[in-house]
Amino acid sequence: MISGRVSKTLIPVVSLEIGGIIFDAVVDTGFNGYLELPNILRSILQPRFAGRVKSLLGGGQRIEEDVYLVSIPFDGDLVEASATFVDGDKILLGTQMLKDHRLVIDFKGLSVLVDRA
């Protein structure tokens, strides 16, 4: 089980520890991929290039970017997932990472819970 919080700006966030560093992971139910990761994780995760992917962003913008396979700790397991890398320090957690889990976001109580379905 992974627990988290809803930020003051109403963004659901969980914490993930990767390579001994704790990162905020924004839970984005509008992102149907697996992960968007900060570039600083490249050396830790040793990603394997998988190809290029075309994506349609929320504002209608189309982009094409490199996608990689990574093994990442998630909810007590080492999970194989596809990921893109960007500048910044936050992780974007998409619905593919959550497909075997139940997500509960309590905006009034400012809490987030991700557990196995």
Protein backbone atom coordinates (compact mmCIF):
# COMPACT_ATOMS: atom_id res chain seq x y z
CA MET A 1 0.00 0.00 0.00
CA ILE A 2 1.16 3.51 -0.82
CA SER A 3 -0.28 6.47 1.01
CA GLY A 4 0.02 10.10 0.07
CA ARG A 5 -1.56 13.49 0.32
CA VAL A 6 -3.53 16.05 -1.60
CA SER A 7 -1.52 19.26 -1.90
CA LYS A 8 -2.84 22.72 -1.07
CA THR A 9 -3.42 23.18 -4.81
CA LEU A 10 -5.50 19.94 -4.88
CA ILE A 11 -2.90 17.77 -6.61
CA PRO A 12 -2.79 14.10 -5.46
CA VAL A 13 0.79 13.14 -4.58
CA VAL A 14 2.47 9.99 -3.30
CA SER A 15 6.11 9.56 -2.32
CA LEU A 16 8.31 7.00 -4.06
CA GLU A 17 11.82 6.07 -2.98
CA ILE A 18 14.18 5.38 -5.86
CA GLY A 19 17.91 4.92 -5.38
CA GLY A 20 17.68 6.13 -1.81
CA ILE A 21 16.04 9.41 -2.87
CA ILE A 22 12.42 10.21 -2.06
CA PHE A 23 10.49 11.81 -4.92
CA ASP A 24 7.02 13.29 -5.08
CA ALA A 25 4.94 11.42 -7.66
CA VAL A 26 1.93 13.28 -8.99
CA VAL A 27 -0.99 10.90 -9.59
CA ASP A 28 -2.31 11.90 -13.01
CA THR A 29 -5.46 10.01 -14.02
CA GLY A 30 -5.46 11.90 -17.32
CA PHE A 31 -2.10 10.33 -18.26
CA ASN A 32 -2.69 6.83 -19.60
CA GLY A 33 1.00 5.93 -19.77
CA TYR A 34 3.20 4.52 -17.03
CA LEU A 35 5.73 7.14 -15.89
CA GLU A 36 7.31 10.46 -16.61
CA LEU A 37 10.58 10.64 -14.68
CA PRO A 38 13.11 13.36 -13.86
CA ASN A 39 16.36 13.17 -15.84
CA ILE A 40 18.36 12.76 -12.61
CA LEU A 41 17.00 9.18 -12.39
CA ARG A 42 18.61 8.08 -15.66
CA SER A 43 21.88 7.02 -14.05
CA ILE A 44 20.10 5.26 -11.18
CA LEU A 45 17.54 3.33 -13.27
CA GLN A 46 19.75 2.57 -16.29
CA PRO A 47 16.84 2.85 -18.78
CA ARG A 48 16.78 0.76 -21.95
CA PHE A 49 15.70 2.59 -25.10
CA ALA A 50 12.41 1.14 -26.42
CA GLY A 51 11.60 3.56 -29.26
CA ARG A 52 9.64 6.72 -29.92
CA VAL A 53 6.08 7.44 -28.83
CA LYS A 54 3.57 10.01 -30.05
CA SER A 55 1.37 11.55 -27.38
CA LEU A 56 -1.59 13.87 -27.33
CA LEU A 57 -1.39 16.28 -24.40
CA GLY A 58 -4.39 17.69 -22.56
CA GLY A 59 -4.33 20.98 -24.46
CA GLY A 60 -4.44 19.20 -27.81
CA GLN A 61 -0.69 19.48 -28.41
CA ARG A 62 0.91 16.47 -30.11
CA ILE A 63 4.47 15.52 -29.16
CA GLU A 64 6.91 12.77 -30.02
CA GLU A 65 9.48 11.65 -27.48
CA ASP A 66 11.84 8.81 -26.62
CA VAL A 67 10.45 6.06 -24.42
CA TYR A 68 12.52 3.72 -22.25
CA LEU A 69 11.99 0.56 -20.24
CA VAL A 70 12.87 0.83 -16.56
CA SER A 71 12.65 -1.41 -13.52
CA ILE A 72 11.24 0.69 -10.72
CA PRO A 73 10.18 -0.08 -7.14
CA PHE A 74 6.43 0.36 -6.75
CA ASP A 75 4.22 -0.88 -3.91
CA GLY A 76 6.79 -3.37 -2.64
CA ASP A 77 7.61 -4.88 -6.05
CA LEU A 78 10.14 -4.18 -8.76
CA VAL A 79 7.94 -3.24 -11.74
CA GLU A 80 8.94 -3.16 -15.41
CA ALA A 81 7.45 -0.01 -16.93
CA SER A 82 7.83 2.34 -19.85
CA ALA A 83 8.94 5.87 -19.08
CA THR A 84 9.87 9.17 -20.61
CA PHE A 85 12.39 11.53 -19.03
CA VAL A 86 12.05 15.28 -18.52
CA ASP A 87 13.75 18.13 -16.69
CA GLY A 88 12.37 18.74 -13.21
CA ASP A 89 12.23 16.84 -9.93
CA LYS A 90 8.79 15.24 -9.86
CA ILE A 91 7.49 11.94 -11.12
CA LEU A 92 4.25 11.75 -13.09
CA LEU A 93 2.41 8.52 -12.28
CA GLY A 94 0.01 7.42 -15.01
CA THR A 95 -2.90 5.02 -15.05
CA GLN A 96 -0.88 2.12 -16.51
CA MET A 97 1.11 2.03 -13.25
CA LEU A 98 -2.16 1.91 -11.32
CA LYS A 99 -3.98 -0.71 -13.43
CA ASP A 100 -3.63 -3.45 -10.78
CA HIS A 101 -4.39 -1.10 -7.90
CA ARG A 102 -7.24 0.79 -6.34
CA LEU A 103 -6.84 4.56 -6.08
CA VAL A 104 -8.70 6.53 -3.42
CA ILE A 105 -8.34 10.30 -3.39
CA ASP A 106 -10.03 12.04 -0.47
CA PHE A 107 -9.92 15.72 -1.35
CA LYS A 108 -11.74 16.78 1.81
CA GLY A 109 -9.43 14.70 4.01
CA LEU A 110 -6.38 15.61 1.86
CA SER A 111 -5.25 11.97 1.56
CA VAL A 112 -4.36 9.53 -1.20
CA LEU A 113 -4.31 5.74 -0.97
CA VAL A 114 -3.03 3.31 -3.59
CA ASP A 115 -3.42 -0.38 -2.77
CA ARG A 116 -3.64 -3.65 -4.64
CA ALA A 117 -7.03 -4.35 -6.15
